[in-house]
Amino acid sequence: MLAAARALDLGFVPLANERYDLVLLARDRTLPPLNWLLDLVKGAEFCGVAAHLGGYDTRCTGQEIFIG
C-alpha cells in the first residue's frame, strides 16, 4: 500500500507484511501464457518497477517451488 499512498501524496505506516503466491499444476507450467507470466515476474524490469513504486519485497518473486 506504500505505492498507493505515495501516488496520493499520503503518509503511510506499515502494519503487516503480506505474501502472495501463484499456485498451479506442474503440467500447466509449460503453457505459453504461464511461461510468459513467470518470465515477466522473474525479470529485472518487473522488479525494478516494483522497487520504484515502493513497499514491495521482490526477493522471492518468480521463485518456483515444486511439491510432489
N, C-alpha and C. Protein backbone atom coordinates (compact mmCIF):
# COMPACT_ATOMS: atom_id res chain seq x y z
N MET A 1 0.80 -1.19 0.00
CA MET A 1 0.00 0.00 0.00
C MET A 1 0.85 1.27 0.00
N LEU A 2 2.15 1.11 0.24
CA LEU A 2 3.02 2.28 0.19
C LEU A 2 2.94 2.95 -1.18
N ALA A 3 2.89 2.14 -2.23
CA ALA A 3 2.81 2.70 -3.58
C ALA A 3 1.55 3.55 -3.75
N ALA A 4 0.43 3.08 -3.24
CA ALA A 4 -0.83 3.83 -3.35
C ALA A 4 -0.74 5.12 -2.53
N ALA A 5 -0.17 5.04 -1.34
CA ALA A 5 -0.03 6.23 -0.50
C ALA A 5 0.86 7.26 -1.19
N ARG A 6 1.96 6.80 -1.78
CA ARG A 6 2.84 7.73 -2.50
C ARG A 6 2.13 8.38 -3.66
N ALA A 7 1.33 7.60 -4.40
CA ALA A 7 0.62 8.13 -5.57
C ALA A 7 -0.35 9.23 -5.18
N LEU A 8 -0.88 9.15 -3.96
CA LEU A 8 -1.84 10.14 -3.48
C LEU A 8 -1.22 11.15 -2.53
N ASP A 9 0.12 11.10 -2.41
CA ASP A 9 0.87 12.01 -1.55
C ASP A 9 0.37 11.96 -0.11
N LEU A 10 0.20 10.72 0.39
CA LEU A 10 -0.27 10.50 1.76
C LEU A 10 0.83 9.86 2.59
N GLY A 11 0.74 10.00 3.88
CA GLY A 11 1.65 9.29 4.77
C GLY A 11 1.29 7.81 4.80
N PHE A 12 2.21 7.01 5.30
CA PHE A 12 1.96 5.57 5.34
C PHE A 12 2.71 4.95 6.51
N VAL A 13 2.01 4.10 7.26
CA VAL A 13 2.62 3.36 8.36
C VAL A 13 2.33 1.88 8.11
N PRO A 14 3.36 1.08 7.76
CA PRO A 14 3.12 -0.35 7.51
C PRO A 14 2.78 -1.07 8.81
N LEU A 15 1.74 -1.90 8.77
CA LEU A 15 1.31 -2.64 9.94
C LEU A 15 1.62 -4.13 9.83
N ALA A 16 1.73 -4.64 8.63
CA ALA A 16 1.96 -6.07 8.43
C ALA A 16 2.55 -6.30 7.05
N ASN A 17 3.15 -7.46 6.87
CA ASN A 17 3.63 -7.88 5.56
C ASN A 17 2.70 -8.96 5.03
N GLU A 18 2.46 -8.96 3.73
CA GLU A 18 1.63 -9.97 3.11
C GLU A 18 2.43 -10.68 2.03
N ARG A 19 2.15 -11.95 1.87
CA ARG A 19 2.81 -12.75 0.83
C ARG A 19 1.74 -13.25 -0.12
N TYR A 20 2.04 -13.19 -1.39
CA TYR A 20 1.11 -13.66 -2.42
C TYR A 20 1.83 -14.72 -3.24
N ASP A 21 1.17 -15.86 -3.41
CA ASP A 21 1.72 -16.95 -4.19
C ASP A 21 0.77 -17.31 -5.33
N LEU A 22 1.34 -17.74 -6.41
CA LEU A 22 0.58 -18.26 -7.54
C LEU A 22 0.75 -19.77 -7.51
N VAL A 23 -0.34 -20.49 -7.35
CA VAL A 23 -0.29 -21.94 -7.27
C VAL A 23 -0.88 -22.51 -8.55
N LEU A 24 -0.14 -23.43 -9.18
CA LEU A 24 -0.63 -24.05 -10.40
C LEU A 24 -0.15 -25.49 -10.48
N LEU A 25 -0.82 -26.25 -11.31
CA LEU A 25 -0.42 -27.64 -11.52
C LEU A 25 0.87 -27.69 -12.33
N ALA A 26 1.72 -28.64 -12.01
CA ALA A 26 3.01 -28.76 -12.70
C ALA A 26 2.82 -28.90 -14.20
N ARG A 27 1.77 -29.61 -14.61
CA ARG A 27 1.55 -29.82 -16.05
C ARG A 27 1.24 -28.51 -16.77
N ASP A 28 0.71 -27.53 -16.04
CA ASP A 28 0.37 -26.25 -16.64
C ASP A 28 1.56 -25.30 -16.76
N ARG A 29 2.66 -25.66 -16.15
CA ARG A 29 3.87 -24.80 -16.16
C ARG A 29 4.36 -24.57 -17.58
N THR A 30 4.06 -25.48 -18.49
CA THR A 30 4.56 -25.35 -19.86
C THR A 30 3.60 -24.58 -20.77
N LEU A 31 2.45 -24.16 -20.27
CA LEU A 31 1.52 -23.39 -21.10
C LEU A 31 2.12 -22.02 -21.41
N PRO A 32 2.06 -21.60 -22.68
CA PRO A 32 2.67 -20.33 -23.07
C PRO A 32 2.28 -19.13 -22.21
N PRO A 33 0.99 -18.93 -21.88
CA PRO A 33 0.67 -17.75 -21.05
C PRO A 33 1.34 -17.78 -19.67
N LEU A 34 1.44 -18.97 -19.09
CA LEU A 34 2.09 -19.06 -17.78
C LEU A 34 3.59 -18.90 -17.90
N ASN A 35 4.18 -19.42 -18.96
CA ASN A 35 5.61 -19.19 -19.20
C ASN A 35 5.89 -17.70 -19.31
N TRP A 36 5.04 -17.01 -20.06
CA TRP A 36 5.21 -15.57 -20.24
C TRP A 36 5.11 -14.85 -18.90
N LEU A 37 4.11 -15.20 -18.10
CA LEU A 37 3.92 -14.56 -16.80
C LEU A 37 5.11 -14.81 -15.87
N LEU A 38 5.55 -16.06 -15.79
CA LEU A 38 6.67 -16.37 -14.91
C LEU A 38 7.96 -15.71 -15.38
N ASP A 39 8.18 -15.67 -16.68
CA ASP A 39 9.36 -14.97 -17.20
C ASP A 39 9.29 -13.48 -16.88
N LEU A 40 8.10 -12.92 -16.98
CA LEU A 40 7.92 -11.49 -16.70
C LEU A 40 8.29 -11.16 -15.26
N VAL A 41 7.73 -11.91 -14.30
CA VAL A 41 7.97 -11.57 -12.90
C VAL A 41 9.40 -11.88 -12.45
N LYS A 42 10.09 -12.73 -13.19
CA LYS A 42 11.50 -13.02 -12.87
C LYS A 42 12.45 -11.96 -13.42
N GLY A 43 11.96 -11.11 -14.28
CA GLY A 43 12.82 -10.15 -14.97
C GLY A 43 13.20 -8.95 -14.12
N ALA A 44 14.33 -8.40 -14.45
CA ALA A 44 14.85 -7.24 -13.73
C ALA A 44 13.94 -6.03 -13.89
N GLU A 45 13.32 -5.89 -15.05
CA GLU A 45 12.45 -4.73 -15.28
C GLU A 45 11.24 -4.75 -14.34
N PHE A 46 10.62 -5.90 -14.19
CA PHE A 46 9.47 -6.03 -13.29
C PHE A 46 9.86 -5.68 -11.86
N CYS A 47 10.97 -6.25 -11.40
CA CYS A 47 11.42 -5.99 -10.03
C CYS A 47 11.83 -4.53 -9.86
N GLY A 48 12.39 -3.96 -10.90
CA GLY A 48 12.77 -2.55 -10.85
C GLY A 48 11.57 -1.63 -10.71
N VAL A 49 10.51 -1.94 -11.44
CA VAL A 49 9.28 -1.15 -11.35
C VAL A 49 8.68 -1.29 -9.95
N ALA A 50 8.67 -2.51 -9.42
CA ALA A 50 8.13 -2.73 -8.08
C ALA A 50 8.95 -1.95 -7.03
N ALA A 51 10.26 -1.97 -7.18
CA ALA A 51 11.13 -1.25 -6.24
C ALA A 51 10.88 0.26 -6.33
N HIS A 52 10.68 0.75 -7.55
CA HIS A 52 10.42 2.18 -7.75
C HIS A 52 9.09 2.60 -7.10
N LEU A 53 8.09 1.74 -7.18
CA LEU A 53 6.79 2.04 -6.56
C LEU A 53 6.91 2.12 -5.05
N GLY A 54 7.74 1.25 -4.49
CA GLY A 54 7.96 1.25 -3.05
C GLY A 54 7.03 0.30 -2.31
N GLY A 55 7.56 -0.32 -1.26
CA GLY A 55 6.76 -1.17 -0.41
C GLY A 55 6.68 -2.62 -0.84
N TYR A 56 7.36 -2.98 -1.91
CA TYR A 56 7.31 -4.36 -2.40
C TYR A 56 8.66 -5.04 -2.19
N ASP A 57 8.62 -6.25 -1.66
CA ASP A 57 9.82 -7.06 -1.48
C ASP A 57 9.83 -8.11 -2.58
N THR A 58 10.75 -8.00 -3.50
CA THR A 58 10.78 -8.90 -4.65
C THR A 58 11.87 -9.97 -4.54
N ARG A 59 12.41 -10.16 -3.34
CA ARG A 59 13.50 -11.13 -3.20
C ARG A 59 13.09 -12.55 -3.61
N CYS A 60 11.85 -12.93 -3.41
CA CYS A 60 11.38 -14.28 -3.75
C CYS A 60 10.50 -14.29 -4.99
N THR A 61 10.36 -13.17 -5.65
CA THR A 61 9.50 -13.09 -6.82
C THR A 61 10.01 -14.01 -7.91
N GLY A 62 9.12 -14.82 -8.43
CA GLY A 62 9.46 -15.74 -9.51
C GLY A 62 10.05 -17.06 -9.05
N GLN A 63 10.23 -17.20 -7.75
CA GLN A 63 10.78 -18.46 -7.23
C GLN A 63 9.76 -19.57 -7.44
N GLU A 64 10.22 -20.69 -7.99
CA GLU A 64 9.34 -21.81 -8.22
C GLU A 64 9.63 -22.90 -7.19
N ILE A 65 8.56 -23.38 -6.58
CA ILE A 65 8.65 -24.43 -5.58
C ILE A 65 7.76 -25.58 -6.05
N PHE A 66 8.35 -26.74 -6.18
CA PHE A 66 7.59 -27.91 -6.63
C PHE A 66 7.35 -28.83 -5.45
N ILE A 67 6.09 -29.17 -5.25
CA ILE A 67 5.72 -30.09 -4.19
C ILE A 67 5.12 -31.33 -4.86
N GLY A 68 5.71 -32.46 -4.57
CA GLY A 68 5.27 -33.67 -5.27
C GLY A 68 4.48 -34.59 -4.50
